[in-house]
Amino acid sequence: MVVWTAAAQARGLVSGEHARVIGKIMARIPGSVNADDRELADQQLVGLALHMSPDVLPVLGERILAHLDPDGRRTGDEDRARMRGICLGAQRADGMRPVSGLLSPALSAVLDPYLAKAARPGMCNPDDPWVADDRLDAKTVEQAAGRDRRSTAQRTHDAVLALLRPDFGPAKFGAHRGVPVSTIFTMTVAELERAAGVTTTASGGSISIPEALRLAQNAIPFLAVFDHHGLPLHLGRGQRLASPAQRLALIAAEKGCTRPGCTAPATLTAVHHVQEWSQGGTTDIENLTLACDACHGLVHDGPGGWKTVVLGHDSEYPGRTGWIAPPHQDPSQTPRVNHHHQAPEQMARNLARSRDERRAWLSSERTEGSPV
């Protein structure tokens, strides 16, 4: 409710455009924010509108929203359902039509894996023969990508067009990097039993577990078993290319490129042999990791090449993939791991470690302060 805005507009103190912008800002306030804070936000926005143009209000509105919900955790499924929407503007004189809106986590989870395949360079290009499935050889796809001069936005547009064509659609797109073009969620048995919390998609997005379970009602579940370090147990193969099951296990465990500092999600990665196949490395899950195309290209034996190793049992992160930068970047040649995709697990470990240290400190204080 925007009582202050309605009153100010009725008295002619703010314009209709002011009221529209304030209404959009107020609609983004999470439902868990109490009525007093919500009314105060409305009052503040009206006070700002008295002296400022409507186009400045969104910037100041972000400050208010950041104060009310600094970490975004107060926004729930009901808030996201209320905010979702796609707006199609009127067709312009040049034939183009503007679009804006907000996608729900569910729509993003379904759309992202499709776009990861269909919006790649060379795919769905109306100015070139349409490359649309994995039955075409890799050389054809690579040549089409080399001819592709479209921007990322243009490739996304053309992929959506292909999706909506009656003779096309996602069924024509086969597999992407070895697994079917589909939404992939990972969750623990405990999360599944509670049906609560948030899970991560292979494209790096997040979605509430109840919503993920609704999307997966007709899916075939995969069970992957991990050790206490969060790594998949043995899953081997006698061929060079990883199997779809191995890739699914890596997606669940690693969630993205493992080179330190890289933020590429699993949908943009390839399966990399930690010890190269040509040097005797096996296609076993213990010797496989995820690496995006750019980082994968950094691994070589020439000058400036990176190396990858499996960290030993004496490491802080046993079994994880360690990346060793070239000597001119890191003279110490220390293997390092990527924590970007493991942030929740890392926070849980740090919290548990802090609790253990506090218990130990309290125990020592009691011992030292106890009477003899």
Protein backbone atom coordinates (compact mmCIF):
# COMPACT_ATOMS: atom_id res chain seq x y z
CA MET A 1 0.00 0.00 0.00
CA VAL A 2 1.29 3.45 -0.95
CA VAL A 3 -0.84 5.72 1.23
CA TRP A 4 1.59 8.64 1.21
CA THR A 5 2.03 8.46 -2.55
CA ALA A 6 -1.73 8.34 -3.17
CA ALA A 7 -2.30 11.34 -0.89
CA ALA A 8 0.51 13.35 -2.51
CA GLN A 9 -0.78 12.58 -6.01
CA ALA A 10 -4.36 13.50 -5.03
CA ARG A 11 -3.11 16.91 -3.85
CA GLY A 12 -1.09 17.39 -7.05
CA LEU A 13 2.27 17.33 -5.25
CA VAL A 14 3.70 14.51 -7.36
CA SER A 15 3.04 13.53 -10.96
CA GLY A 16 1.54 10.32 -12.28
CA GLU A 17 5.01 9.25 -13.43
CA HIS A 18 6.36 9.82 -9.92
CA ALA A 19 3.55 7.62 -8.54
CA ARG A 20 4.21 4.90 -11.13
CA VAL A 21 7.94 4.74 -10.29
CA ILE A 22 7.26 4.72 -6.53
CA GLY A 23 4.72 1.94 -7.03
CA LYS A 24 7.30 -0.20 -8.83
CA ILE A 25 9.84 0.34 -6.04
CA MET A 26 7.29 -0.44 -3.33
CA ALA A 27 6.26 -3.63 -5.14
CA ARG A 28 9.80 -4.94 -4.71
CA ILE A 29 9.74 -4.68 -0.92
CA PRO A 30 9.61 -8.24 0.50
CA GLY A 31 6.37 -9.27 2.16
CA SER A 32 8.24 -10.05 5.40
CA VAL A 33 9.02 -6.32 5.91
CA ASN A 34 6.71 -4.96 8.61
CA ALA A 35 4.01 -2.37 7.91
CA ASP A 36 5.81 0.45 9.74
CA ASP A 37 8.99 0.09 7.66
CA ARG A 38 6.93 -0.22 4.49
CA GLU A 39 5.03 2.98 5.29
CA LEU A 40 8.29 4.76 6.15
CA ALA A 41 9.72 3.77 2.75
CA ASP A 42 6.63 5.17 1.03
CA GLN A 43 6.96 8.42 3.02
CA GLN A 44 10.65 8.76 2.16
CA LEU A 45 10.04 8.20 -1.54
CA VAL A 46 7.30 10.84 -1.59
CA GLY A 47 9.63 13.30 0.19
CA LEU A 48 12.29 12.66 -2.47
CA ALA A 49 9.75 12.95 -5.30
CA LEU A 50 8.81 16.46 -4.16
CA HIS A 51 12.26 17.69 -5.18
CA MET A 52 13.49 15.23 -7.81
CA SER A 53 12.49 14.01 -11.26
CA PRO A 54 11.03 10.48 -11.68
CA ASP A 55 14.14 9.15 -13.45
CA VAL A 56 16.27 9.70 -10.31
CA LEU A 57 13.94 7.82 -7.95
CA PRO A 58 14.95 4.25 -8.99
CA VAL A 59 18.56 4.88 -7.92
CA LEU A 60 17.44 6.16 -4.52
CA GLY A 61 14.89 3.37 -4.31
CA GLU A 62 17.71 0.81 -4.60
CA ARG A 63 19.30 2.37 -1.51
CA ILE A 64 16.05 2.00 0.44
CA LEU A 65 15.58 -1.60 -0.75
CA ALA A 66 19.18 -2.42 0.19
CA HIS A 67 18.53 -1.10 3.69
CA LEU A 68 15.32 -3.12 4.10
CA ASP A 69 16.76 -6.35 2.66
CA PRO A 70 20.58 -6.02 2.59
CA ASP A 71 21.39 -9.64 1.68
CA GLY A 72 18.26 -10.49 -0.32
CA ARG A 73 17.24 -13.23 2.11
CA ARG A 74 13.92 -11.68 3.11
CA THR A 75 12.57 -12.13 -0.40
CA GLY A 76 10.49 -15.32 -0.48
CA ASP A 77 8.68 -17.41 -3.09
CA GLU A 78 5.51 -15.33 -2.71
CA ASP A 79 7.50 -12.14 -3.38
CA ARG A 80 9.12 -13.65 -6.47
CA ALA A 81 5.74 -14.89 -7.73
CA ARG A 82 4.36 -11.37 -7.31
CA MET A 83 7.29 -9.75 -9.16
CA ARG A 84 7.49 -12.18 -12.08
CA GLY A 85 6.38 -11.01 -15.50
CA ILE A 86 7.31 -10.28 -19.11
CA CYS A 87 6.11 -7.04 -20.68
CA LEU A 88 5.84 -6.70 -24.45
CA GLY A 89 5.70 -3.12 -25.66
CA ALA A 90 3.84 -1.87 -28.71
CA GLN A 91 5.45 -2.52 -32.07
CA ARG A 92 7.44 0.50 -33.23
CA ALA A 93 7.34 2.10 -36.63
CA ASP A 94 10.53 0.23 -37.59
CA GLY A 95 8.84 -3.10 -36.82
CA MET A 96 10.80 -3.78 -33.64
CA ARG A 97 9.09 -4.46 -30.32
CA PRO A 98 10.61 -3.71 -26.87
CA VAL A 99 10.52 -6.32 -24.12
CA SER A 100 11.26 -6.10 -20.41
CA GLY A 101 10.50 -8.03 -17.27
CA LEU A 102 11.71 -10.34 -14.51
CA LEU A 103 12.09 -14.10 -14.88
CA SER A 104 11.24 -16.35 -11.95
CA PRO A 105 13.88 -18.83 -10.74
CA ALA A 106 11.78 -21.64 -12.27
CA LEU A 107 11.74 -20.08 -15.74
CA SER A 108 15.45 -19.27 -15.50
CA ALA A 109 16.20 -22.87 -14.50
CA VAL A 110 14.35 -24.19 -17.55
CA LEU A 111 15.62 -21.56 -20.00
CA ASP A 112 19.32 -21.39 -19.04
CA PRO A 113 20.37 -24.90 -20.14
CA TYR A 114 18.60 -24.45 -23.47
CA LEU A 115 20.33 -21.10 -24.10
CA ALA A 116 23.70 -22.58 -23.08
CA LYS A 117 23.41 -24.77 -26.16
CA ALA A 118 21.19 -22.85 -28.59
CA ALA A 119 22.74 -19.38 -28.03
CA ARG A 120 26.36 -20.48 -28.53
CA PRO A 121 28.28 -18.89 -31.43
CA GLY A 122 27.25 -20.52 -34.71
CA MET A 123 23.96 -21.88 -33.41
CA CYS A 124 20.54 -20.77 -34.73
CA ASN A 125 22.08 -18.13 -36.98
CA PRO A 126 19.48 -16.97 -39.55
CA ASP A 127 22.30 -15.68 -41.76
CA ASP A 128 23.95 -19.11 -41.91
CA PRO A 129 22.71 -22.71 -42.21
CA TRP A 130 21.07 -23.40 -38.87
CA VAL A 131 23.33 -25.49 -36.70
CA ALA A 132 20.97 -27.10 -34.23
CA ASP A 133 22.02 -30.48 -32.93
CA ASP A 134 24.96 -32.67 -32.04
CA ARG A 135 24.52 -34.90 -35.06
CA LEU A 136 26.53 -32.32 -36.98
CA ASP A 137 30.24 -32.92 -36.68
CA ALA A 138 32.33 -30.66 -34.44
CA LYS A 139 34.18 -29.15 -37.41
CA THR A 140 30.93 -27.88 -38.97
CA VAL A 141 29.89 -26.28 -35.69
CA GLU A 142 33.34 -24.73 -35.23
CA GLN A 143 33.32 -23.27 -38.76
CA ALA A 144 29.84 -21.80 -38.22
CA ALA A 145 31.03 -20.22 -34.96
CA GLY A 146 33.98 -18.66 -36.76
CA ARG A 147 31.60 -16.97 -39.21
CA ASP A 148 29.25 -15.77 -36.47
CA ARG A 149 29.41 -11.99 -35.92
CA ARG A 150 26.31 -11.67 -33.72
CA SER A 151 26.35 -10.17 -30.22
CA THR A 152 25.34 -12.20 -27.17
CA ALA A 153 21.96 -10.45 -27.13
CA GLN A 154 21.39 -11.28 -30.81
CA ARG A 155 22.30 -14.94 -30.27
CA THR A 156 19.85 -15.11 -27.35
CA HIS A 157 17.11 -13.59 -29.50
CA ASP A 158 17.69 -16.08 -32.31
CA ALA A 159 17.75 -19.01 -29.86
CA VAL A 160 14.35 -17.98 -28.45
CA LEU A 161 13.01 -17.67 -31.99
CA ALA A 162 14.21 -21.20 -32.73
CA LEU A 163 12.60 -22.46 -29.52
CA LEU A 164 9.19 -21.09 -30.56
CA ARG A 165 9.30 -22.32 -34.15
CA PRO A 166 6.77 -25.16 -34.61
CA ASP A 167 9.27 -27.21 -36.63
CA PHE A 168 12.06 -26.71 -34.12
CA GLY A 169 11.99 -26.51 -30.33
CA PRO A 170 14.33 -27.91 -27.66
CA ALA A 171 13.86 -31.53 -28.78
CA LYS A 172 15.98 -30.74 -31.86
CA PHE A 173 18.97 -29.68 -29.81
CA GLY A 174 20.17 -33.10 -28.71
CA ALA A 175 22.87 -32.93 -26.04
CA HIS A 176 25.10 -30.17 -24.70
CA ARG A 177 28.64 -31.18 -23.70
CA GLY A 178 27.65 -34.81 -23.34
CA VAL A 179 24.34 -34.59 -21.44
CA PRO A 180 20.78 -33.88 -22.70
CA VAL A 181 19.73 -30.24 -22.90
CA SER A 182 17.79 -30.18 -19.65
CA THR A 183 17.61 -28.51 -16.26
CA ILE A 184 19.90 -30.09 -13.65
CA PHE A 185 19.35 -29.60 -9.92
CA THR A 186 21.57 -30.96 -7.17
CA MET A 187 20.39 -31.43 -3.60
CA THR A 188 21.23 -33.57 -0.61
CA VAL A 189 18.99 -36.31 0.80
CA ALA A 190 18.43 -34.15 3.89
CA GLU A 191 17.28 -31.21 1.75
CA LEU A 192 15.02 -33.54 -0.22
CA GLU A 193 13.44 -34.89 2.96
CA ARG A 194 12.90 -31.40 4.41
CA ALA A 195 11.72 -30.00 1.06
CA ALA A 196 13.18 -26.70 2.20
CA GLY A 197 16.13 -24.52 1.33
CA VAL A 198 17.74 -23.45 -1.93
CA THR A 199 19.48 -25.54 -4.58
CA THR A 200 21.83 -24.56 -7.39
CA THR A 201 21.31 -25.27 -11.09
CA ALA A 202 24.05 -26.33 -13.49
CA SER A 203 23.89 -22.87 -15.08
CA GLY A 204 24.80 -21.21 -11.77
CA GLY A 205 21.33 -19.98 -10.83
CA SER A 206 19.44 -20.74 -7.64
CA ILE A 207 15.91 -21.96 -7.00
CA SER A 208 14.01 -22.97 -3.89
CA ILE A 209 13.88 -26.72 -3.34
CA PRO A 210 10.03 -26.87 -3.25
CA GLU A 211 9.96 -25.14 -6.66
CA ALA A 212 12.69 -27.46 -7.99
CA LEU A 213 10.73 -30.51 -6.83
CA ARG A 214 7.63 -29.25 -8.63
CA LEU A 215 9.60 -28.89 -11.86
CA ALA A 216 11.11 -32.37 -11.42
CA GLN A 217 7.85 -34.22 -10.71
CA ASN A 218 7.98 -36.17 -13.99
CA ALA A 219 11.76 -36.44 -14.19
CA ILE A 220 13.92 -39.52 -13.64
CA PRO A 221 16.13 -38.87 -10.59
CA PHE A 222 19.83 -39.78 -10.45
CA LEU A 223 21.45 -40.81 -7.18
CA ALA A 224 25.09 -39.81 -6.77
CA VAL A 225 27.03 -40.91 -3.68
CA PHE A 226 29.75 -38.59 -2.34
CA ASP A 227 32.38 -39.00 0.34
CA HIS A 228 32.65 -36.75 3.40
CA HIS A 229 34.77 -34.28 1.38
CA GLY A 230 31.89 -33.78 -1.08
CA LEU A 231 33.62 -35.71 -3.88
CA PRO A 232 31.96 -38.48 -5.95
CA LEU A 233 33.06 -42.02 -5.26
CA HIS A 234 34.71 -44.05 -8.04
CA LEU A 235 33.03 -44.01 -11.46
CA GLY A 236 35.40 -45.25 -14.17
CA ARG A 237 35.36 -45.66 -17.92
CA GLY A 238 37.78 -47.25 -20.38
CA GLN A 239 37.34 -44.60 -23.08
CA ARG A 240 38.76 -41.11 -23.51
CA LEU A 241 35.44 -39.22 -23.39
CA ALA A 242 33.61 -38.99 -20.09
CA SER A 243 30.20 -40.63 -19.90
CA PRO A 244 27.01 -38.62 -19.25
CA ALA A 245 26.84 -40.18 -15.77
CA GLN A 246 30.38 -38.97 -15.00
CA ARG A 247 29.55 -35.47 -16.20
CA LEU A 248 26.39 -35.40 -14.07
CA ALA A 249 28.45 -36.46 -11.05
CA LEU A 250 30.98 -33.68 -11.71
CA ILE A 251 28.19 -31.10 -12.11
CA ALA A 252 26.74 -32.14 -8.76
CA ALA A 253 30.13 -32.04 -7.01
CA GLU A 254 31.94 -29.11 -8.62
CA LYS A 255 29.11 -26.94 -10.02
CA GLY A 256 31.45 -25.05 -12.36
CA CYS A 257 34.98 -24.48 -13.66
CA THR A 258 37.56 -25.46 -11.04
CA ARG A 259 40.33 -23.00 -11.98
CA PRO A 260 40.80 -20.49 -9.12
CA GLY A 261 38.90 -17.27 -9.72
CA CYS A 262 36.77 -18.58 -12.61
CA THR A 263 33.01 -18.08 -12.24
CA ALA A 264 31.86 -20.11 -15.29
CA PRO A 265 28.94 -22.41 -14.34
CA ALA A 266 28.84 -26.10 -15.20
CA THR A 267 26.86 -25.53 -18.42
CA LEU A 268 29.84 -23.63 -19.87
CA THR A 269 32.45 -26.25 -19.01
CA ALA A 270 34.02 -29.33 -20.58
CA VAL A 271 35.29 -32.44 -18.78
CA HIS A 272 39.08 -32.22 -18.38
CA HIS A 273 41.51 -35.03 -17.52
CA VAL A 274 43.59 -33.83 -14.55
CA GLN A 275 46.36 -36.12 -15.79
CA GLU A 276 46.11 -35.95 -19.56
CA TRP A 277 44.76 -39.01 -21.40
CA SER A 278 47.78 -38.85 -23.72
CA GLN A 279 50.06 -39.17 -20.69
CA GLY A 280 48.34 -42.20 -19.21
CA GLY A 281 45.51 -40.45 -17.38
CA THR A 282 42.38 -42.55 -16.96
CA THR A 283 38.77 -41.56 -17.58
CA ASP A 284 37.90 -42.23 -13.94
CA ILE A 285 35.92 -39.78 -11.85
CA GLU A 286 38.97 -39.27 -9.59
CA ASN A 287 40.93 -37.97 -12.60
CA LEU A 288 38.20 -35.77 -14.10
CA THR A 289 37.27 -32.17 -13.43
CA LEU A 290 35.26 -29.36 -15.01
CA ALA A 291 36.98 -26.54 -16.92
CA CYS A 292 35.49 -23.86 -19.16
CA ASP A 293 36.86 -23.57 -22.69
CA ALA A 294 39.07 -20.58 -21.85
CA CYS A 295 40.63 -22.21 -18.77
CA HIS A 296 40.91 -25.58 -20.49
CA GLY A 297 43.04 -23.93 -23.16
CA LEU A 298 45.49 -22.70 -20.50
CA VAL A 299 46.55 -26.26 -19.62
CA HIS A 300 49.53 -27.32 -21.75
CA ASP A 301 53.20 -28.27 -21.45
CA GLY A 302 54.54 -25.24 -23.32
CA PRO A 303 55.80 -21.95 -21.86
CA GLY A 304 53.11 -20.23 -19.80
CA GLY A 305 51.04 -23.39 -19.48
CA TRP A 306 49.03 -24.25 -16.39
CA LYS A 307 49.03 -27.68 -14.76
CA THR A 308 46.34 -29.56 -12.85
CA VAL A 309 46.78 -32.08 -10.03
CA VAL A 310 44.59 -34.04 -7.65
CA LEU A 311 45.30 -32.82 -4.12
CA GLY A 312 46.55 -35.49 -1.73
CA HIS A 313 45.15 -36.72 1.57
CA ASP A 314 47.44 -34.38 3.51
CA SER A 315 45.88 -31.35 1.81
CA GLU A 316 43.20 -29.16 3.37
CA TYR A 317 41.02 -30.10 0.37
CA PRO A 318 41.87 -33.76 -0.39
CA GLY A 319 40.65 -35.03 -3.74
CA ARG A 320 39.89 -31.58 -5.11
CA THR A 321 41.54 -30.34 -8.31
CA GLY A 322 44.50 -28.05 -7.73
CA TRP A 323 45.58 -25.64 -10.46
CA ILE A 324 49.25 -24.62 -10.68
CA ALA A 325 49.95 -21.31 -12.41
CA PRO A 326 53.05 -20.97 -14.64
CA PRO A 327 56.30 -20.10 -12.80
CA HIS A 328 56.29 -16.46 -13.89
CA GLN A 329 52.90 -16.02 -12.18
CA ASP A 330 53.52 -18.19 -9.12
CA PRO A 331 57.19 -19.05 -8.44
CA SER A 332 56.11 -21.20 -5.48
CA GLN A 333 54.13 -23.53 -7.82
CA THR A 334 51.47 -24.00 -5.13
CA PRO A 335 48.32 -25.86 -6.26
CA ARG A 336 45.25 -23.74 -5.59
CA VAL A 337 41.54 -24.56 -5.66
CA ASN A 338 38.48 -22.57 -6.72
CA HIS A 339 36.07 -21.80 -3.87
CA HIS A 340 33.62 -19.72 -5.93
CA HIS A 341 31.17 -22.57 -6.61
CA GLN A 342 31.58 -24.07 -3.14
CA ALA A 343 30.73 -20.92 -1.16
CA PRO A 344 27.81 -22.40 0.86
CA GLU A 345 29.84 -25.49 1.80
CA GLN A 346 32.85 -23.31 2.63
CA MET A 347 30.72 -21.08 4.87
CA ALA A 348 29.31 -24.15 6.65
CA ARG A 349 32.82 -25.51 7.24
CA ASN A 350 34.04 -22.14 8.53
CA LEU A 351 31.02 -21.87 10.83
CA ALA A 352 31.60 -25.37 12.19
CA ARG A 353 35.30 -24.60 12.69
CA SER A 354 34.44 -21.38 14.54
CA ARG A 355 32.01 -23.24 16.80
CA ASP A 356 34.65 -25.89 17.57
CA GLU A 357 37.23 -23.21 18.37
CA ARG A 358 34.76 -21.41 20.63
CA ARG A 359 33.89 -24.63 22.47
CA ALA A 360 37.59 -25.36 22.95
CA TRP A 361 38.19 -21.82 24.25
CA LEU A 362 35.25 -22.01 26.67
CA SER A 363 36.44 -25.40 27.88
CA SER A 364 39.93 -24.08 28.55
CA GLU A 365 38.52 -21.04 30.35
CA ARG A 366 36.46 -23.24 32.64
CA THR A 367 39.44 -25.49 33.31
CA GLU A 368 41.75 -22.57 34.14
CA GLY A 369 39.13 -20.83 36.25
CA SER A 370 37.92 -23.88 38.16
CA PRO A 371 38.85 -24.15 41.86
CA VAL A 372 41.77 -26.44 42.78
